[in-house]
């Protein structure tokens, strides 16, 4: 399990995420292996990724921490049908 981010860093990441458009969408397939691979690739490139829930809106509170856990990332922010994940470059271990 990852250590929690310090509050100043968390505030900075939330601020940066306001300008982002959702890069990925959770659709009919849900948390498929392909979707998680896309999340990992996006995090490796951008560090900060915004994801929108198109489907599974009722389960988003349960799914958001699962996505973060399965991608070794931090759940920075969750508002409405959107979540923001952060993973520093080089932090991912297979």
PDB file of N, CA and C in Angstrom:
ATOM      1  N   UNK A   1       0.839  -1.192   0.000  1.00  0.00           N
ATOM      2  CA  UNK A   1       0.000   0.000   0.000  1.00  0.00           C
ATOM      3  C   UNK A   1       0.879   1.248   0.000  1.00  0.00           C
ATOM      4  N   UNK A   2       0.437   2.257  -0.710  1.00  0.00           N
ATOM      5  CA  UNK A   2       1.194   3.497  -0.828  1.00  0.00           C
ATOM      6  C   UNK A   2       1.009   4.382   0.400  1.00  0.00           C
ATOM      7  N   UNK A   3       2.046   5.120   0.721  1.00  0.00           N
ATOM      8  CA  UNK A   3       1.933   6.091   1.805  1.00  0.00           C
ATOM      9  C   UNK A   3       1.071   7.254   1.330  1.00  0.00           C
ATOM     10  N   UNK A   4       0.269   7.839   2.214  1.00  0.00           N
ATOM     11  CA  UNK A   4      -0.553   8.987   1.811  1.00  0.00           C
ATOM     12  C   UNK A   4       0.321  10.169   1.389  1.00  0.00           C
ATOM     13  N   UNK A   5      -0.211  10.944   0.465  1.00  0.00           N
ATOM     14  CA  UNK A   5       0.506  12.133   0.008  1.00  0.00           C
ATOM     15  C   UNK A   5       0.427  13.227   1.068  1.00  0.00           C
ATOM     16  N   UNK A   6       1.487  14.031   1.214  1.00  0.00           N
ATOM     17  CA  UNK A   6       1.425  15.159   2.148  1.00  0.00           C
ATOM     18  C   UNK A   6       0.368  16.171   1.682  1.00  0.00           C
ATOM     19  N   UNK A   7      -0.275  16.847   2.631  1.00  0.00           N
ATOM     20  CA  UNK A   7      -1.350  17.783   2.300  1.00  0.00           C
ATOM     21  C   UNK A   7      -0.949  18.867   1.306  1.00  0.00           C
ATOM     22  N   UNK A   8       0.233  19.504   1.432  1.00  0.00           N
ATOM     23  CA  UNK A   8       0.586  20.528   0.438  1.00  0.00           C
ATOM     24  C   UNK A   8       0.660  19.961  -0.985  1.00  0.00           C
ATOM     25  N   UNK A   9       1.197  18.757  -1.124  1.00  0.00           N
ATOM     26  CA  UNK A   9       1.286  18.133  -2.444  1.00  0.00           C
ATOM     27  C   UNK A   9      -0.107  17.779  -2.955  1.00  0.00           C
ATOM     28  N   UNK A  10      -0.959  17.293  -2.068  1.00  0.00           N
ATOM     29  CA  UNK A  10      -2.323  16.936  -2.439  1.00  0.00           C
ATOM     30  C   UNK A  10      -3.089  18.164  -2.935  1.00  0.00           C
ATOM     31  N   UNK A  11      -2.951  19.287  -2.237  1.00  0.00           N
ATOM     32  CA  UNK A  11      -3.611  20.530  -2.657  1.00  0.00           C
ATOM     33  C   UNK A  11      -3.107  20.985  -4.025  1.00  0.00           C
ATOM     34  N   UNK A  12      -1.808  20.876  -4.242  1.00  0.00           N
ATOM     35  CA  UNK A  12      -1.219  21.281  -5.521  1.00  0.00           C
ATOM     36  C   UNK A  12      -1.745  20.398  -6.656  1.00  0.00           C
ATOM     37  N   UNK A  13      -1.819  19.095  -6.421  1.00  0.00           N
ATOM     38  CA  UNK A  13      -2.313  18.168  -7.441  1.00  0.00           C
ATOM     39  C   UNK A  13      -3.790  18.417  -7.751  1.00  0.00           C
ATOM     40  N   UNK A  14      -4.595  18.691  -6.723  1.00  0.00           N
ATOM     41  CA  UNK A  14      -6.007  19.011  -6.942  1.00  0.00           C
ATOM     42  C   UNK A  14      -6.139  20.260  -7.799  1.00  0.00           C
ATOM     43  N   UNK A  15      -5.317  21.250  -7.511  1.00  0.00           N
ATOM     44  CA  UNK A  15      -5.334  22.492  -8.278  1.00  0.00           C
ATOM     45  C   UNK A  15      -4.963  22.234  -9.738  1.00  0.00           C
ATOM     46  N   UNK A  16      -3.925  21.449  -9.961  1.00  0.00           N
ATOM     47  CA  UNK A  16      -3.495  21.132 -11.325  1.00  0.00           C
ATOM     48  C   UNK A  16      -4.559  20.337 -12.078  1.00  0.00           C
ATOM     49  N   UNK A  17      -5.286  19.500 -11.369  1.00  0.00           N
ATOM     50  CA  UNK A  17      -6.274  18.639 -12.021  1.00  0.00           C
ATOM     51  C   UNK A  17      -7.488  19.420 -12.519  1.00  0.00           C
ATOM     52  N   UNK A  18      -7.718  20.613 -11.993  1.00  0.00           N
ATOM     53  CA  UNK A  18      -8.866  21.411 -12.421  1.00  0.00           C
ATOM     54  C   UNK A  18      -8.799  21.744 -13.907  1.00  0.00           C
ATOM     55  N   UNK A  19      -7.607  21.888 -14.430  1.00  0.00           N
ATOM     56  CA  UNK A  19      -7.421  22.262 -15.838  1.00  0.00           C
ATOM     57  C   UNK A  19      -7.447  21.059 -16.782  1.00  0.00           C
ATOM     58  N   UNK A  20      -7.434  19.861 -16.240  1.00  0.00           N
ATOM     59  CA  UNK A  20      -7.390  18.650 -17.071  1.00  0.00           C
ATOM     60  C   UNK A  20      -8.773  18.266 -17.587  1.00  0.00           C
ATOM     61  N   UNK A  21      -8.790  17.714 -18.777  1.00  0.00           N
ATOM     62  CA  UNK A  21      -9.986  17.071 -19.312  1.00  0.00           C
ATOM     63  C   UNK A  21      -9.849  15.573 -19.020  1.00  0.00           C
ATOM     64  N   UNK A  22     -10.969  14.858 -18.850  1.00  0.00           N
ATOM     65  CA  UNK A  22     -10.862  13.414 -18.628  1.00  0.00           C
ATOM     66  C   UNK A  22     -10.145  12.722 -19.783  1.00  0.00           C
ATOM     67  N   UNK A  23      -9.122  11.928 -19.452  1.00  0.00           N
ATOM     68  CA  UNK A  23      -8.362  11.197 -20.473  1.00  0.00           C
ATOM     69  C   UNK A  23      -8.998   9.856 -20.786  1.00  0.00           C
ATOM     70  N   UNK A  24      -9.602   9.255 -19.774  1.00  0.00           N
ATOM     71  CA  UNK A  24     -10.180   7.920 -19.921  1.00  0.00           C
ATOM     72  C   UNK A  24     -11.598   7.920 -19.380  1.00  0.00           C
ATOM     73  N   UNK A  25     -12.384   6.967 -19.862  1.00  0.00           N
ATOM     74  CA  UNK A  25     -13.760   6.827 -19.393  1.00  0.00           C
ATOM     75  C   UNK A  25     -14.017   5.377 -19.015  1.00  0.00           C
ATOM     76  N   UNK A  26     -14.654   5.183 -17.867  1.00  0.00           N
ATOM     77  CA  UNK A  26     -15.061   3.844 -17.442  1.00  0.00           C
ATOM     78  C   UNK A  26     -16.384   3.571 -18.138  1.00  0.00           C
ATOM     79  N   UNK A  27     -16.366   2.645 -19.092  1.00  0.00           N
ATOM     80  CA  UNK A  27     -17.551   2.348 -19.883  1.00  0.00           C
ATOM     81  C   UNK A  27     -18.155   1.006 -19.542  1.00  0.00           C
ATOM     82  N   UNK A  28     -18.754   0.383 -20.544  1.00  0.00           N
ATOM     83  CA  UNK A  28     -19.468  -0.883 -20.357  1.00  0.00           C
ATOM     84  C   UNK A  28     -18.579  -1.999 -19.826  1.00  0.00           C
ATOM     85  N   UNK A  29     -17.328  -2.020 -20.243  1.00  0.00           N
ATOM     86  CA  UNK A  29     -16.419  -3.103 -19.842  1.00  0.00           C
ATOM     87  C   UNK A  29     -15.981  -2.983 -18.386  1.00  0.00           C
ATOM     88  N   UNK A  30     -16.153  -1.816 -17.788  1.00  0.00           N
ATOM     89  CA  UNK A  30     -15.771  -1.637 -16.388  1.00  0.00           C
ATOM     90  C   UNK A  30     -14.269  -1.681 -16.197  1.00  0.00           C
ATOM     91  N   UNK A  31     -13.836  -2.312 -15.118  1.00  0.00           N
ATOM     92  CA  UNK A  31     -12.411  -2.387 -14.796  1.00  0.00           C
ATOM     93  C   UNK A  31     -11.776  -3.601 -15.464  1.00  0.00           C
ATOM     94  N   UNK A  32     -11.803  -3.606 -16.760  1.00  0.00           N
ATOM     95  CA  UNK A  32     -11.206  -4.715 -17.502  1.00  0.00           C
ATOM     96  C   UNK A  32      -9.689  -4.598 -17.467  1.00  0.00           C
ATOM     97  N   UNK A  33      -9.038  -5.668 -17.855  1.00  0.00           N
ATOM     98  CA  UNK A  33      -7.573  -5.672 -17.906  1.00  0.00           C
ATOM     99  C   UNK A  33      -7.070  -4.613 -18.892  1.00  0.00           C
ATOM    100  N   UNK A  34      -7.773  -4.464 -20.001  1.00  0.00           N
ATOM    101  CA  UNK A  34      -7.400  -3.465 -21.001  1.00  0.00           C
ATOM    102  C   UNK A  34      -7.522  -2.043 -20.477  1.00  0.00           C
ATOM    103  N   UNK A  35      -8.596  -1.782 -19.725  1.00  0.00           N
ATOM    104  CA  UNK A  35      -8.783  -0.446 -19.152  1.00  0.00           C
ATOM    105  C   UNK A  35      -7.678  -0.131 -18.154  1.00  0.00           C
ATOM    106  N   UNK A  36      -7.362  -1.080 -17.285  1.00  0.00           N
ATOM    107  CA  UNK A  36      -6.309  -0.860 -16.290  1.00  0.00           C
ATOM    108  C   UNK A  36      -4.953  -0.659 -16.956  1.00  0.00           C
ATOM    109  N   UNK A  37      -4.735  -1.344 -18.085  1.00  0.00           N
ATOM    110  CA  UNK A  37      -3.495  -1.151 -18.842  1.00  0.00           C
ATOM    111  C   UNK A  37      -3.432   0.273 -19.385  1.00  0.00           C
ATOM    112  N   UNK A  38      -4.554   0.780 -19.888  1.00  0.00           N
ATOM    113  CA  UNK A  38      -4.611   2.157 -20.387  1.00  0.00           C
ATOM    114  C   UNK A  38      -4.337   3.154 -19.265  1.00  0.00           C
ATOM    115  N   UNK A  39      -4.896   2.904 -18.091  1.00  0.00           N
ATOM    116  CA  UNK A  39      -4.667   3.790 -16.946  1.00  0.00           C
ATOM    117  C   UNK A  39      -3.184   3.798 -16.598  1.00  0.00           C
ATOM    118  N   UNK A  40      -2.565   2.615 -16.544  1.00  0.00           N
ATOM    119  CA  UNK A  40      -1.132   2.525 -16.240  1.00  0.00           C
ATOM    120  C   UNK A  40      -0.291   3.277 -17.263  1.00  0.00           C
ATOM    121  N   UNK A  41      -0.629   3.132 -18.542  1.00  0.00           N
ATOM    122  CA  UNK A  41       0.117   3.830 -19.593  1.00  0.00           C
ATOM    123  C   UNK A  41      -0.047   5.342 -19.476  1.00  0.00           C
ATOM    124  N   UNK A  42      -1.260   5.792 -19.191  1.00  0.00           N
ATOM    125  CA  UNK A  42      -1.515   7.230 -19.037  1.00  0.00           C
ATOM    126  C   UNK A  42      -0.772   7.790 -17.835  1.00  0.00           C
ATOM    127  N   UNK A  43      -0.766   7.050 -16.733  1.00  0.00           N
ATOM    128  CA  UNK A  43      -0.046   7.500 -15.539  1.00  0.00           C
ATOM    129  C   UNK A  43       1.456   7.551 -15.791  1.00  0.00           C
ATOM    130  N   UNK A  44       1.973   6.600 -16.555  1.00  0.00           N
ATOM    131  CA  UNK A  44       3.404   6.581 -16.864  1.00  0.00           C
ATOM    132  C   UNK A  44       3.795   7.796 -17.699  1.00  0.00           C
ATOM    133  N   UNK A  45       2.895   8.237 -18.571  1.00  0.00           N
ATOM    134  CA  UNK A  45       3.180   9.384 -19.429  1.00  0.00           C
ATOM    135  C   UNK A  45       2.931  10.713 -18.735  1.00  0.00           C
ATOM    136  N   UNK A  46       1.826  10.817 -18.010  1.00  0.00           N
ATOM    137  CA  UNK A  46       1.361  12.116 -17.528  1.00  0.00           C
ATOM    138  C   UNK A  46       1.423  12.316 -16.013  1.00  0.00           C
ATOM    139  N   UNK A  47       1.567  11.278 -15.245  1.00  0.00           N
ATOM    140  CA  UNK A  47       1.561  11.291 -13.778  1.00  0.00           C
ATOM    141  C   UNK A  47       0.186  11.615 -13.187  1.00  0.00           C
ATOM    142  N   UNK A  48      -0.512  12.600 -13.716  1.00  0.00           N
ATOM    143  CA  UNK A  48      -1.815  13.023 -13.199  1.00  0.00           C
ATOM    144  C   UNK A  48      -2.866  12.728 -14.268  1.00  0.00           C
ATOM    145  N   UNK A  49      -3.866  11.902 -13.921  1.00  0.00           N
ATOM    146  CA  UNK A  49      -4.849  11.448 -14.903  1.00  0.00           C
ATOM    147  C   UNK A  49      -6.255  11.636 -14.351  1.00  0.00           C
ATOM    148  N   UNK A  50      -7.123  12.190 -15.191  1.00  0.00           N
ATOM    149  CA  UNK A  50      -8.529  12.364 -14.823  1.00  0.00           C
ATOM    150  C   UNK A  50      -9.344  11.305 -15.564  1.00  0.00           C
ATOM    151  N   UNK A  51     -10.220  10.618 -14.820  1.00  0.00           N
ATOM    152  CA  UNK A  51     -11.039   9.534 -15.373  1.00  0.00           C
ATOM    153  C   UNK A  51     -12.507   9.834 -15.092  1.00  0.00           C
ATOM    154  N   UNK A  52     -13.340   9.665 -16.113  1.00  0.00           N
ATOM    155  CA  UNK A  52     -14.775   9.914 -15.967  1.00  0.00           C
ATOM    156  C   UNK A  52     -15.534   8.594 -15.988  1.00  0.00           C
ATOM    157  N   UNK A  53     -16.529   8.474 -15.122  1.00  0.00           N
ATOM    158  CA  UNK A  53     -17.388   7.291 -15.083  1.00  0.00           C
ATOM    159  C   UNK A  53     -18.581   7.533 -15.996  1.00  0.00           C
ATOM    160  N   UNK A  54     -18.624   6.833 -17.136  1.00  0.00           N
ATOM    161  CA  UNK A  54     -19.769   6.896 -18.044  1.00  0.00           C
ATOM    162  C   UNK A  54     -20.830   5.904 -17.558  1.00  0.00           C
ATOM    163  N   UNK A  55     -20.398   4.735 -17.169  1.00  0.00           N
ATOM    164  CA  UNK A  55     -21.258   3.696 -16.608  1.00  0.00           C
ATOM    165  C   UNK A  55     -20.763   3.423 -15.184  1.00  0.00           C
ATOM    166  N   UNK A  56     -21.446   2.563 -14.477  1.00  0.00           N
ATOM    167  CA  UNK A  56     -21.068   2.195 -13.101  1.00  0.00           C
ATOM    168  C   UNK A  56     -21.078   3.409 -12.171  1.00  0.00           C
ATOM    169  N   UNK A  57     -21.945   4.385 -12.454  1.00  0.00           N
ATOM    170  CA  UNK A  57     -21.973   5.606 -11.644  1.00  0.00           C
ATOM    171  C   UNK A  57     -22.367   5.317 -10.196  1.00  0.00           C
ATOM    172  N   UNK A  58     -23.200   4.300  -9.999  1.00  0.00           N
ATOM    173  CA  UNK A  58     -23.622   3.956  -8.638  1.00  0.00           C
ATOM    174  C   UNK A  58     -22.505   3.293  -7.840  1.00  0.00           C
ATOM    175  N   UNK A  59     -21.556   2.666  -8.526  1.00  0.00           N
ATOM    176  CA  UNK A  59     -20.468   1.962  -7.855  1.00  0.00           C
ATOM    177  C   UNK A  59     -19.168   2.758  -7.821  1.00  0.00           C
ATOM    178  N   UNK A  60     -19.190   3.997  -8.251  1.00  0.00           N
ATOM    179  CA  UNK A  60     -17.937   4.757  -8.393  1.00  0.00           C
ATOM    180  C   UNK A  60     -17.187   4.924  -7.078  1.00  0.00           C
ATOM    181  N   UNK A  61     -17.897   5.026  -5.961  1.00  0.00           N
ATOM    182  CA  UNK A  61     -17.205   5.187  -4.671  1.00  0.00           C
ATOM    183  C   UNK A  61     -16.420   3.936  -4.293  1.00  0.00           C
ATOM    184  N   UNK A  62     -16.896   2.772  -4.712  1.00  0.00           N
ATOM    185  CA  UNK A  62     -16.178   1.528  -4.452  1.00  0.00           C
ATOM    186  C   UNK A  62     -15.100   1.279  -5.505  1.00  0.00           C
ATOM    187  N   UNK A  63     -15.374   1.665  -6.744  1.00  0.00           N
ATOM    188  CA  UNK A  63     -14.437   1.390  -7.836  1.00  0.00           C
ATOM    189  C   UNK A  63     -13.219   2.306  -7.822  1.00  0.00           C
ATOM    190  N   UNK A  64     -13.385   3.558  -7.417  1.00  0.00           N
ATOM    191  CA  UNK A  64     -12.268   4.519  -7.449  1.00  0.00           C
ATOM    192  C   UNK A  64     -11.066   4.031  -6.640  1.00  0.00           C
ATOM    193  N   UNK A  65     -11.235   3.611  -5.382  1.00  0.00           N
ATOM    194  CA  UNK A  65     -10.071   3.101  -4.642  1.00  0.00           C
ATOM    195  C   UNK A  65      -9.495   1.822  -5.255  1.00  0.00           C
ATOM    196  N   UNK A  66     -10.354   0.994  -5.871  1.00  0.00           N
ATOM    197  CA  UNK A  66      -9.861  -0.229  -6.518  1.00  0.00           C
ATOM    198  C   UNK A  66      -8.971   0.112  -7.710  1.00  0.00           C
ATOM    199  N   UNK A  67      -9.381   1.114  -8.495  1.00  0.00           N
ATOM    200  CA  UNK A  67      -8.563   1.529  -9.642  1.00  0.00           C
ATOM    201  C   UNK A  67      -7.216   2.022  -9.145  1.00  0.00           C
ATOM    202  N   UNK A  68      -7.233   2.853  -8.099  1.00  0.00           N
ATOM    203  CA  UNK A  68      -5.983   3.384  -7.543  1.00  0.00           C
ATOM    204  C   UNK A  68      -5.093   2.252  -7.039  1.00  0.00           C
ATOM    205  N   UNK A  69      -5.681   1.299  -6.334  1.00  0.00           N
ATOM    206  CA  UNK A  69      -4.904   0.182  -5.783  1.00  0.00           C
ATOM    207  C   UNK A  69      -4.311  -0.685  -6.890  1.00  0.00           C
ATOM    208  N   UNK A  70      -5.116  -0.998  -7.896  1.00  0.00           N
ATOM    209  CA  UNK A  70      -4.661  -1.891  -8.963  1.00  0.00           C
ATOM    210  C   UNK A  70      -3.656  -1.233  -9.897  1.00  0.00           C
ATOM    211  N   UNK A  71      -3.558   0.091  -9.863  1.00  0.00           N
ATOM    212  CA  UNK A  71      -2.589   0.799 -10.710  1.00  0.00           C
ATOM    213  C   UNK A  71      -1.455   1.402  -9.888  1.00  0.00           C
ATOM    214  N   UNK A  72      -1.395   1.078  -8.609  1.00  0.00           N
ATOM    215  CA  UNK A  72      -0.362   1.605  -7.700  1.00  0.00           C
ATOM    216  C   UNK A  72      -0.291   3.128  -7.758  1.00  0.00           C
ATOM    217  N   UNK A  73      -1.462   3.758  -7.715  1.00  0.00           N
ATOM    218  CA  UNK A  73      -1.527   5.215  -7.781  1.00  0.00           C
ATOM    219  C   UNK A  73      -2.288   5.759  -6.574  1.00  0.00           C
ATOM    220  N   UNK A  74      -2.248   7.072  -6.428  1.00  0.00           N
ATOM    221  CA  UNK A  74      -2.953   7.757  -5.347  1.00  0.00           C
ATOM    222  C   UNK A  74      -4.265   8.315  -5.881  1.00  0.00           C
ATOM    223  N   UNK A  75      -5.338   8.140  -5.132  1.00  0.00           N
ATOM    224  CA  UNK A  75      -6.610   8.772  -5.464  1.00  0.00           C
ATOM    225  C   UNK A  75      -6.554  10.191  -4.907  1.00  0.00           C
ATOM    226  N   UNK A  76      -6.362  11.159  -5.795  1.00  0.00           N
ATOM    227  CA  UNK A  76      -6.170  12.550  -5.391  1.00  0.00           C
ATOM    228  C   UNK A  76      -7.496  13.219  -5.084  1.00  0.00           C
ATOM    229  N   UNK A  77      -8.485  12.960  -5.939  1.00  0.00           N
ATOM    230  CA  UNK A  77      -9.723  13.727  -5.862  1.00  0.00           C
ATOM    231  C   UNK A  77     -10.848  12.909  -6.477  1.00  0.00           C
ATOM    232  N   UNK A  78     -12.026  13.030  -5.903  1.00  0.00           N
ATOM    233  CA  UNK A  78     -13.204  12.387  -6.466  1.00  0.00           C
ATOM    234  C   UNK A  78     -14.371  13.343  -6.300  1.00  0.00           C
ATOM    235  N   UNK A  79     -14.922  13.791  -7.417  1.00  0.00           N
ATOM    236  CA  UNK A  79     -16.068  14.697  -7.372  1.00  0.00           C
ATOM    237  C   UNK A  79     -17.018  14.321  -8.506  1.00  0.00           C
ATOM    238  N   UNK A  80     -18.289  14.191  -8.185  1.00  0.00           N
ATOM    239  CA  UNK A  80     -19.262  13.795  -9.192  1.00  0.00           C
ATOM    240  C   UNK A  80     -18.900  12.458  -9.800  1.00  0.00           C
ATOM    241  N   UNK A  81     -18.856  12.420 -11.118  1.00  0.00           N
ATOM    242  CA  UNK A  81     -18.528  11.186 -11.837  1.00  0.00           C
ATOM    243  C   UNK A  81     -17.090  11.178 -12.324  1.00  0.00           C
ATOM    244  N   UNK A  82     -16.229  11.956 -11.684  1.00  0.00           N
ATOM    245  CA  UNK A  82     -14.838  12.096 -12.114  1.00  0.00           C
ATOM    246  C   UNK A  82     -13.896  11.799 -10.947  1.00  0.00           C
ATOM    247  N   UNK A  83     -12.804  11.072 -11.257  1.00  0.00           N
ATOM    248  CA  UNK A  83     -11.746  10.860 -10.267  1.00  0.00           C
ATOM    249  C   UNK A  83     -10.421  11.312 -10.869  1.00  0.00           C
ATOM    250  N   UNK A  84      -9.483  11.642  -9.992  1.00  0.00           N
ATOM    251  CA  UNK A  84      -8.145  12.036 -10.419  1.00  0.00           C
ATOM    252  C   UNK A  84      -7.152  11.126  -9.715  1.00  0.00           C
ATOM    253  N   UNK A  85      -6.253  10.528 -10.500  1.00  0.00           N
ATOM    254  CA  UNK A  85      -5.216   9.649  -9.970  1.00  0.00           C
ATOM    255  C   UNK A  85      -3.849  10.266 -10.203  1.00  0.00           C
ATOM    256  N   UNK A  86      -2.915   9.968  -9.286  1.00  0.00           N
ATOM    257  CA  UNK A  86      -1.544  10.460  -9.411  1.00  0.00           C
ATOM    258  C   UNK A  86      -0.578   9.325  -9.110  1.00  0.00           C
ATOM    259  N   UNK A  87       0.445   9.234  -9.937  1.00  0.00           N
ATOM    260  CA  UNK A  87       1.557   8.322  -9.672  1.00  0.00           C
ATOM    261  C   UNK A  87       2.824   8.977 -10.216  1.00  0.00           C
ATOM    262  N   UNK A  88       3.798   9.182  -9.327  1.00  0.00           N
ATOM    263  CA  UNK A  88       5.060   9.796  -9.740  1.00  0.00           C
ATOM    264  C   UNK A  88       5.773   8.882 -10.722  1.00  0.00           C
ATOM    265  N   UNK A  89       6.487   9.473 -11.653  1.00  0.00           N
ATOM    266  CA  UNK A  89       7.244   8.673 -12.626  1.00  0.00           C
ATOM    267  C   UNK A  89       8.251   7.806 -11.884  1.00  0.00           C
ATOM    268  N   UNK A  90       8.340   6.556 -12.297  1.00  0.00           N
ATOM    269  CA  UNK A  90       9.279   5.633 -11.675  1.00  0.00           C
ATOM    270  C   UNK A  90       8.760   4.989 -10.401  1.00  0.00           C
ATOM    271  N   UNK A  91       7.525   5.303  -9.998  1.00  0.00           N
ATOM    272  CA  UNK A  91       6.965   4.761  -8.760  1.00  0.00           C
ATOM    273  C   UNK A  91       6.312   3.397  -8.969  1.00  0.00           C
ATOM    274  N   UNK A  92       5.969   3.047 -10.199  1.00  0.00           N
ATOM    275  CA  UNK A  92       5.247   1.812 -10.491  1.00  0.00           C
ATOM    276  C   UNK A  92       6.186   0.621 -10.503  1.00  0.00           C
ATOM    277  N   UNK A  93       5.834  -0.380  -9.741  1.00  0.00           N
ATOM    278  CA  UNK A  93       6.595  -1.631  -9.702  1.00  0.00           C
ATOM    279  C   UNK A  93       5.669  -2.762 -10.113  1.00  0.00           C
ATOM    280  N   UNK A  94       6.103  -3.569 -11.073  1.00  0.00           N
ATOM    281  CA  UNK A  94       5.278  -4.691 -11.549  1.00  0.00           C
ATOM    282  C   UNK A  94       5.394  -5.842 -10.588  1.00  0.00           C
TER     283      UNK A  94
END
